[in-house]
Amino acid sequence: MDPPRRVEHQWTDKGYVPVYTTAVVEQPWADYTSVEHQTWATLFERQMALLPGRACEEFFAGLQRLGIDGRGIPKFADLNPVLQAATGWTLIAVEGLLPELAFFEHLANRRFPVTWWIRKPEQIDYISEPDLFHDLFGHVPLLSLPVFADYMQAYGEGGLKAARYGSEPLTELTRLYWYTVEFGLIDTPQGLRIYGSGIVSSKGESLYSLESAAPNRIGFDVKRVMRTRYRIDSYQKTYFVVDSFEQLFRATVDPDFGPIYYELKGARAWPAGEVLDGDRVLQRGSGEGWPTDGDV
């Protein structure tokens, strides 16, 4: 078997261009260098100093359940038996970003793709694409929570169905994933907490998402989220807040998305920072420092 490749975005005159791969590989754990293990340890320790009182308790429970710590890059082979016993999910190693349909198929079958390679030391503060730390530290702990694990499978099944309706529904589902799995907040008796992987794996956004006056924080509504554009090159202008993980799960299981896609067909996509009359506004952001363009 050929050694796994490190597939990264390519820099062109148009900026970073995503490069996709479909390969499922073995995690080359024995080949990780001491520098790579130290990068994991540095990132882990930094986030664990920030996240208490900011991330939801289910995230910490997942870390503990799976035995994920800062001693070095975890072995997928050690995590999988625990994860399978908890929720039936399996981690698979991939070389980089997956095409949408391949990603949906893995999720629908309770397989979570984790990029096998970790960022370089000079990318500690920012990397333009998902790496091992983002995928494993950010995503995997909540996969040990049954209701969130069920949401992720339902999302994957929904993505496979959406592909039959064309590109517009796929864009709307991408927004749903972005504003929940990647950049979601949850309201708890202790206050707002982080659960989105893009936040919990980022030092800067862990602070910004909860403490900055700049972004909007708006109550979750599935159709509202599906019509809202987002940022890929800066902190978010808007964060959507769920009341519970059960609410999130029911939002993907209860409705028939076919009529929703039909209802939203051709509808205007709202800018990332816009606040609407019908929104449940927890905080109207000041907009300080917002980029003026670039929503996707």
Protein backbone atom coordinates (compact mmCIF):
# COMPACT_ATOMS: atom_id res chain seq x y z
CA MET A 1 0.00 0.00 0.00
CA ASP A 2 1.29 3.45 -0.92
CA PRO A 3 1.97 5.78 2.02
CA PRO A 4 -0.83 8.28 2.65
CA ARG A 5 -0.45 11.67 1.02
CA ARG A 6 -0.76 15.04 2.72
CA VAL A 7 -3.40 16.71 0.51
CA GLU A 8 -3.64 20.43 1.15
CA HIS A 9 -5.26 23.47 -0.48
CA GLN A 10 -3.22 24.94 -3.31
CA TRP A 11 -2.25 28.58 -3.45
CA THR A 12 -3.09 30.24 -6.78
CA ASP A 13 -3.58 33.77 -8.06
CA LYS A 14 -7.17 33.38 -6.85
CA GLY A 15 -6.14 32.50 -3.29
CA TYR A 16 -6.40 29.06 -1.70
CA VAL A 17 -8.22 26.54 -3.89
CA PRO A 18 -9.60 23.39 -2.23
CA VAL A 19 -8.09 20.10 -3.36
CA TYR A 20 -10.28 17.04 -2.83
CA THR A 21 -9.41 13.42 -2.19
CA THR A 22 -11.53 10.32 -1.66
CA ALA A 23 -8.84 7.97 -0.33
CA VAL A 24 -9.33 6.17 2.99
CA VAL A 25 -5.94 5.26 4.44
CA GLU A 26 -4.35 3.76 7.54
CA GLN A 27 -3.34 6.29 10.16
CA PRO A 28 0.49 6.29 9.95
CA TRP A 29 0.82 6.68 13.71
CA ALA A 30 4.35 5.24 13.94
CA ASP A 31 5.55 7.83 11.43
CA TYR A 32 4.50 10.92 13.39
CA THR A 33 7.56 12.92 14.42
CA SER A 34 8.29 14.32 17.86
CA VAL A 35 7.56 17.76 16.42
CA GLU A 36 4.10 16.62 15.30
CA HIS A 37 3.34 15.09 18.71
CA GLN A 38 4.48 18.32 20.33
CA THR A 39 2.23 20.34 18.03
CA TRP A 40 -0.72 18.25 19.20
CA ALA A 41 0.32 18.72 22.84
CA THR A 42 0.71 22.48 22.42
CA LEU A 43 -2.69 22.87 20.78
CA PHE A 44 -4.39 20.56 23.28
CA GLU A 45 -2.95 22.26 26.35
CA ARG A 46 -3.74 25.73 25.01
CA GLN A 47 -7.38 24.89 24.33
CA MET A 48 -7.83 23.06 27.62
CA ALA A 49 -6.66 26.20 29.42
CA LEU A 50 -9.29 28.27 27.59
CA LEU A 51 -12.35 26.04 27.28
CA PRO A 52 -13.49 25.41 30.89
CA GLY A 53 -16.48 27.67 31.42
CA ARG A 54 -16.70 28.23 27.65
CA ALA A 55 -17.26 24.81 26.03
CA CYS A 56 -20.30 22.67 26.86
CA GLU A 57 -19.95 19.94 29.48
CA GLU A 58 -20.75 17.25 26.91
CA PHE A 59 -17.54 18.14 25.08
CA PHE A 60 -15.40 17.56 28.18
CA ALA A 61 -17.28 14.35 28.97
CA GLY A 62 -16.48 13.10 25.47
CA LEU A 63 -12.78 13.86 25.84
CA GLN A 64 -12.71 11.95 29.11
CA ARG A 65 -14.77 9.04 27.80
CA LEU A 66 -12.45 8.58 24.83
CA GLY A 67 -9.26 9.19 26.77
CA ILE A 68 -8.12 12.03 24.51
CA ASP A 69 -5.33 13.97 26.21
CA GLY A 70 -2.26 16.07 25.53
CA ARG A 71 0.41 13.38 25.74
CA GLY A 72 0.59 12.99 21.95
CA ILE A 73 -1.45 12.30 18.84
CA PRO A 74 -4.09 9.68 19.70
CA LYS A 75 -4.28 6.39 17.85
CA PHE A 76 -7.54 5.92 15.97
CA ALA A 77 -7.23 2.19 16.71
CA ASP A 78 -7.43 2.97 20.44
CA LEU A 79 -10.35 5.38 20.10
CA ASN A 80 -12.53 3.28 17.81
CA PRO A 81 -13.52 0.49 20.23
CA VAL A 82 -14.64 3.06 22.81
CA LEU A 83 -16.49 5.18 20.24
CA GLN A 84 -18.16 2.15 18.68
CA ALA A 85 -19.35 0.96 22.07
CA ALA A 86 -20.74 4.40 22.90
CA THR A 87 -22.54 5.32 19.66
CA GLY A 88 -21.56 2.92 16.88
CA TRP A 89 -19.29 5.41 15.11
CA THR A 90 -15.87 4.63 13.60
CA LEU A 91 -13.02 7.01 12.78
CA ILE A 92 -11.43 6.63 9.36
CA ALA A 93 -8.20 8.32 8.28
CA VAL A 94 -8.33 10.45 5.13
CA GLU A 95 -5.76 12.48 3.23
CA GLY A 96 -7.63 15.77 3.24
CA LEU A 97 -10.87 17.42 2.21
CA LEU A 98 -13.56 15.06 0.87
CA PRO A 99 -16.09 15.79 -1.89
CA GLU A 100 -19.58 16.41 -0.53
CA LEU A 101 -21.17 13.11 -1.57
CA ALA A 102 -18.28 11.03 -0.23
CA PHE A 103 -18.50 12.92 3.06
CA PHE A 104 -22.27 12.43 3.31
CA GLU A 105 -21.94 8.70 2.59
CA HIS A 106 -19.43 8.26 5.40
CA LEU A 107 -21.61 10.14 7.88
CA ALA A 108 -24.73 8.23 6.86
CA ASN A 109 -22.86 5.02 7.70
CA ARG A 110 -21.48 6.34 11.01
CA ARG A 111 -17.94 6.74 9.74
CA PHE A 112 -16.24 10.00 10.62
CA PRO A 113 -13.35 11.09 8.36
CA VAL A 114 -10.33 12.48 10.22
CA THR A 115 -7.46 14.05 8.30
CA TRP A 116 -4.41 12.02 9.30
CA TRP A 117 -1.86 14.88 9.16
CA ILE A 118 -1.43 17.75 11.62
CA ARG A 119 -0.59 21.37 10.92
CA LYS A 120 2.99 22.61 10.90
CA PRO A 121 4.36 24.54 13.92
CA GLU A 122 4.15 27.80 11.99
CA GLN A 123 0.41 27.14 11.45
CA ILE A 124 -0.39 26.83 15.16
CA ASP A 125 -2.63 29.90 15.17
CA TYR A 126 -4.32 29.43 11.79
CA ILE A 127 -4.67 26.86 9.04
CA SER A 128 -7.01 27.33 6.09
CA GLU A 129 -8.32 23.76 6.06
CA PRO A 130 -9.23 20.97 8.50
CA ASP A 131 -6.28 19.06 9.92
CA LEU A 132 -6.02 16.27 12.49
CA PHE A 133 -6.35 18.59 15.47
CA HIS A 134 -9.49 20.25 14.16
CA ASP A 135 -11.08 16.97 13.10
CA LEU A 136 -10.17 14.90 16.15
CA PHE A 137 -10.16 17.36 19.04
CA GLY A 138 -12.95 19.50 17.59
CA HIS A 139 -15.41 16.91 16.27
CA VAL A 140 -14.88 13.53 17.86
CA PRO A 141 -15.72 14.13 21.57
CA LEU A 142 -19.37 14.94 20.78
CA LEU A 143 -19.65 11.84 18.58
CA SER A 144 -19.63 9.87 21.83
CA LEU A 145 -22.89 11.64 22.81
CA PRO A 146 -25.81 9.57 21.42
CA VAL A 147 -28.09 12.45 20.43
CA PHE A 148 -25.30 14.32 18.64
CA ALA A 149 -24.09 11.12 17.00
CA ASP A 150 -27.64 10.58 15.71
CA TYR A 151 -27.76 14.15 14.40
CA MET A 152 -24.56 13.60 12.42
CA GLN A 153 -25.89 10.40 10.85
CA ALA A 154 -29.20 12.09 10.01
CA TYR A 155 -27.27 14.96 8.45
CA GLY A 156 -25.32 12.55 6.25
CA GLU A 157 -28.51 10.80 5.15
CA GLY A 158 -30.05 14.19 4.44
CA GLY A 159 -27.08 15.16 2.30
CA LEU A 160 -27.44 12.06 0.12
CA LYS A 161 -31.12 12.87 -0.41
CA ALA A 162 -30.42 16.54 -1.09
CA ALA A 163 -28.06 15.66 -3.92
CA ARG A 164 -31.09 14.48 -5.89
CA TYR A 165 -32.56 17.99 -5.76
CA GLY A 166 -29.55 19.80 -7.25
CA SER A 167 -26.87 22.24 -6.12
CA GLU A 168 -29.06 24.73 -4.24
CA PRO A 169 -30.19 22.27 -1.52
CA LEU A 170 -26.58 21.14 -1.08
CA THR A 171 -25.57 24.76 -0.49
CA GLU A 172 -28.35 25.11 2.08
CA LEU A 173 -27.24 21.93 3.88
CA THR A 174 -23.65 23.16 3.88
CA ARG A 175 -24.83 26.28 5.71
CA LEU A 176 -26.63 24.12 8.26
CA TYR A 177 -23.44 22.14 8.94
CA TRP A 178 -21.37 25.30 9.12
CA TYR A 179 -23.58 27.07 11.65
CA THR A 180 -24.17 24.00 13.84
CA VAL A 181 -21.42 21.36 13.71
CA GLU A 182 -18.64 23.83 12.95
CA PHE A 183 -19.68 27.11 14.61
CA GLY A 184 -22.62 26.35 16.89
CA LEU A 185 -23.35 27.71 20.36
CA ILE A 186 -25.72 26.13 22.89
CA ASP A 187 -27.74 27.78 25.64
CA THR A 188 -27.30 26.03 29.00
CA PRO A 189 -28.39 26.79 32.59
CA GLN A 190 -24.84 28.08 33.12
CA GLY A 191 -25.02 30.41 30.09
CA LEU A 192 -23.96 30.23 26.45
CA ARG A 193 -21.43 27.52 25.69
CA ILE A 194 -19.46 26.43 22.62
CA TYR A 195 -20.02 23.10 20.89
CA GLY A 196 -18.96 23.80 17.29
CA SER A 197 -15.68 22.18 16.29
CA GLY A 198 -14.38 25.21 14.44
CA ILE A 199 -14.64 27.18 17.66
CA VAL A 200 -13.40 24.65 20.23
CA SER A 201 -10.27 24.00 18.14
CA SER A 202 -9.47 27.73 17.74
CA LYS A 203 -7.95 29.88 20.48
CA GLY A 204 -9.11 33.15 18.95
CA GLU A 205 -12.65 32.10 18.10
CA SER A 206 -13.16 30.44 21.49
CA LEU A 207 -12.83 33.91 22.99
CA TYR A 208 -14.49 35.90 20.21
CA SER A 209 -17.62 33.77 19.85
CA LEU A 210 -18.67 34.25 23.48
CA GLU A 211 -17.06 37.47 24.60
CA SER A 212 -16.85 39.87 21.67
CA ALA A 213 -19.54 42.51 21.17
CA ALA A 214 -19.05 42.37 17.39
CA PRO A 215 -21.04 39.25 16.29
CA ASN A 216 -24.77 38.59 16.36
CA ARG A 217 -26.00 35.72 18.51
CA ILE A 218 -29.36 34.53 17.25
CA GLY A 219 -31.70 31.69 18.26
CA PHE A 220 -31.53 28.67 15.98
CA ASP A 221 -34.15 28.17 13.27
CA VAL A 222 -33.39 25.61 10.58
CA LYS A 223 -34.77 27.55 7.58
CA ARG A 224 -33.16 30.77 8.78
CA VAL A 225 -29.80 29.02 9.00
CA MET A 226 -30.17 27.40 5.59
CA ARG A 227 -30.65 30.83 3.99
CA THR A 228 -27.72 32.51 5.75
CA ARG A 229 -24.35 32.92 4.07
CA TYR A 230 -21.18 32.56 6.11
CA ARG A 231 -17.51 33.49 6.41
CA ILE A 232 -14.60 31.16 5.69
CA ASP A 233 -11.76 33.64 6.08
CA SER A 234 -12.57 35.40 9.35
CA TYR A 235 -14.47 34.97 12.59
CA GLN A 236 -18.20 34.64 12.10
CA LYS A 237 -20.50 37.64 11.91
CA THR A 238 -23.37 35.58 13.33
CA TYR A 239 -23.58 32.58 15.66
CA PHE A 240 -26.79 30.57 15.94
CA VAL A 241 -27.70 29.28 19.39
CA VAL A 242 -29.52 25.98 19.96
CA ASP A 243 -31.51 25.35 23.14
CA SER A 244 -30.41 21.71 23.29
CA PHE A 245 -28.87 18.98 21.19
CA GLU A 246 -32.32 17.38 21.08
CA GLN A 247 -33.59 20.51 19.27
CA LEU A 248 -30.80 20.13 16.74
CA PHE A 249 -31.57 16.45 16.16
CA ARG A 250 -35.30 17.05 15.79
CA ALA A 251 -34.62 19.80 13.24
CA THR A 252 -33.07 17.23 10.91
CA VAL A 253 -35.41 14.31 11.59
CA ASP A 254 -38.90 15.79 11.97
CA PRO A 255 -39.24 17.91 8.82
CA ASP A 256 -39.53 16.62 5.28
CA PHE A 257 -36.74 18.62 3.67
CA GLY A 258 -38.20 18.23 0.17
CA PRO A 259 -40.88 20.91 0.76
CA ILE A 260 -38.28 23.08 2.52
CA TYR A 261 -36.00 22.94 -0.53
CA TYR A 262 -38.98 23.79 -2.72
CA GLU A 263 -39.94 26.69 -0.45
CA LEU A 264 -36.40 28.08 -0.45
CA LYS A 265 -35.78 27.59 -4.18
CA GLY A 266 -34.64 30.89 -5.62
CA ALA A 267 -35.03 32.67 -2.27
CA ARG A 268 -32.57 35.42 -1.41
CA ALA A 269 -29.65 34.26 0.74
CA TRP A 270 -29.19 36.61 3.66
CA PRO A 271 -25.78 38.17 4.31
CA ALA A 272 -23.87 36.65 7.22
CA GLY A 273 -24.30 39.69 9.44
CA GLU A 274 -27.94 40.57 8.75
CA VAL A 275 -30.50 40.57 11.58
CA LEU A 276 -34.11 39.93 10.55
CA ASP A 277 -37.34 41.14 12.13
CA GLY A 278 -38.38 37.62 13.13
CA ASP A 279 -35.08 36.64 14.71
CA ARG A 280 -34.79 35.73 18.38
CA VAL A 281 -31.87 38.02 19.07
CA LEU A 282 -29.69 37.18 22.04
CA GLN A 283 -27.19 39.83 21.04
CA ARG A 284 -27.25 42.27 18.15
CA GLY A 285 -23.61 42.64 17.19
CA SER A 286 -21.80 45.94 16.91
CA GLY A 287 -20.21 44.81 13.62
CA GLU A 288 -16.84 46.16 14.69
CA GLY A 289 -14.06 44.81 12.48
CA TRP A 290 -16.37 42.98 10.08
CA PRO A 291 -15.06 42.45 6.53
CA THR A 292 -17.32 44.18 4.01
CA ASP A 293 -17.46 41.34 1.49
CA GLY A 294 -16.57 37.70 1.02
CA ASP A 295 -19.66 35.86 2.32
CA VAL A 296 -20.14 32.47 0.66
